[in-house]
Amino acid sequence: MDNSLQLHNIDFEEFIKAVDQCKGNVFLETADGDSLNLKSKLCQMLGLSEILKGAQVAKATIRCENSEDESLLFRFNLYGEMPEK
């Protein structure tokens, strides 16, 4: 079963570090219906690094295939800092 959460005003560089700790796939879903697999370094480089480097996203939907990953990213979203390993 897929899990999703809303992220608000996150630092994408720190968020990608948190995504790298996830065990399963993590998808960024846009209002236009696009879905980027954030576990893919190519998607990170092409889709995020150039467009959002040093910026913050006002709102995004994140879908996790693994419930532990959802918990990890929820804590990141809540506290705004890198979860400890």
Protein backbone atom coordinates (compact mmCIF):
# COMPACT_ATOMS: atom_id res chain seq x y z
CA MET A 1 0.00 0.00 0.00
CA ASP A 2 1.35 3.44 -0.96
CA ASN A 3 1.74 6.20 1.60
CA SER A 4 1.88 9.93 0.92
CA LEU A 5 2.50 13.14 2.80
CA GLN A 6 2.47 16.85 2.12
CA LEU A 7 5.74 18.74 2.48
CA HIS A 8 5.82 22.46 3.12
CA ASN A 9 8.78 24.87 2.91
CA ILE A 10 11.55 22.27 2.89
CA ASP A 11 15.23 22.64 2.09
CA PHE A 12 15.63 20.36 -0.94
CA GLU A 13 19.34 19.70 -0.42
CA GLU A 14 18.66 18.36 3.09
CA PHE A 15 15.52 16.59 1.89
CA ILE A 16 17.52 14.67 -0.76
CA LYS A 17 19.93 13.55 1.97
CA ALA A 18 16.92 12.19 3.89
CA VAL A 19 15.55 10.50 0.73
CA ASP A 20 18.93 8.81 0.26
CA GLN A 21 18.38 7.11 3.64
CA CYS A 22 15.04 5.63 2.53
CA LYS A 23 14.81 1.92 1.77
CA GLY A 24 12.12 2.06 -0.93
CA ASN A 25 11.19 4.34 -3.79
CA VAL A 26 10.12 7.90 -3.00
CA PHE A 27 8.14 9.88 -5.56
CA LEU A 28 7.60 13.63 -5.90
CA GLU A 29 4.16 14.13 -7.45
CA THR A 30 3.10 17.40 -9.00
CA ALA A 31 -0.36 18.91 -9.43
CA ASP A 32 0.08 18.30 -13.18
CA GLY A 33 0.29 14.55 -12.57
CA ASP A 34 4.05 14.23 -13.09
CA SER A 35 5.87 11.75 -10.87
CA LEU A 36 9.65 11.86 -10.27
CA ASN A 37 11.39 8.95 -8.54
CA LEU A 38 13.64 10.80 -6.09
CA LYS A 39 15.76 7.69 -5.49
CA SER A 40 17.07 8.16 -9.04
CA LYS A 41 20.15 10.37 -9.06
CA LEU A 42 19.34 11.27 -12.68
CA CYS A 43 15.93 12.63 -11.64
CA GLN A 44 17.57 14.50 -8.78
CA MET A 45 20.20 16.03 -11.07
CA LEU A 46 17.95 16.92 -13.98
CA GLY A 47 14.70 17.64 -12.23
CA LEU A 48 15.72 19.13 -8.93
CA SER A 49 19.32 20.29 -8.83
CA GLU A 50 19.04 22.77 -11.69
CA ILE A 51 15.51 23.96 -11.05
CA LEU A 52 15.43 24.09 -7.24
CA LYS A 53 19.05 24.45 -6.11
CA GLY A 54 19.12 26.53 -2.97
CA ALA A 55 15.36 27.11 -3.17
CA GLN A 56 12.49 25.89 -1.11
CA VAL A 57 9.36 24.22 -2.41
CA ALA A 58 6.17 25.78 -1.13
CA LYS A 59 4.17 22.54 -1.36
CA ALA A 60 4.74 19.03 -2.72
CA THR A 61 3.20 15.60 -2.39
CA ILE A 62 5.59 12.79 -1.54
CA ARG A 63 4.54 9.16 -1.96
CA CYS A 64 6.54 6.39 -0.29
CA GLU A 65 6.32 2.69 -1.04
CA ASN A 66 7.77 1.84 2.38
CA SER A 67 5.98 2.94 5.60
CA GLU A 68 9.32 3.31 7.45
CA ASP A 69 10.41 5.79 4.78
CA GLU A 70 7.19 7.73 5.25
CA SER A 71 7.93 7.98 9.00
CA LEU A 72 11.50 9.13 8.33
CA LEU A 73 10.37 11.84 5.90
CA PHE A 74 7.48 12.86 8.18
CA ARG A 75 10.00 13.51 10.97
CA PHE A 76 12.19 15.47 8.52
CA ASN A 77 9.19 17.55 7.44
CA LEU A 78 8.11 18.17 11.04
CA TYR A 79 11.51 19.11 12.48
CA GLY A 80 13.21 20.44 9.33
CA GLU A 81 16.47 18.63 9.96
CA MET A 82 18.25 15.51 8.83
CA PRO A 83 17.04 12.36 10.60
CA GLU A 84 19.72 10.43 12.43
CA LYS A 85 20.73 7.06 11.03
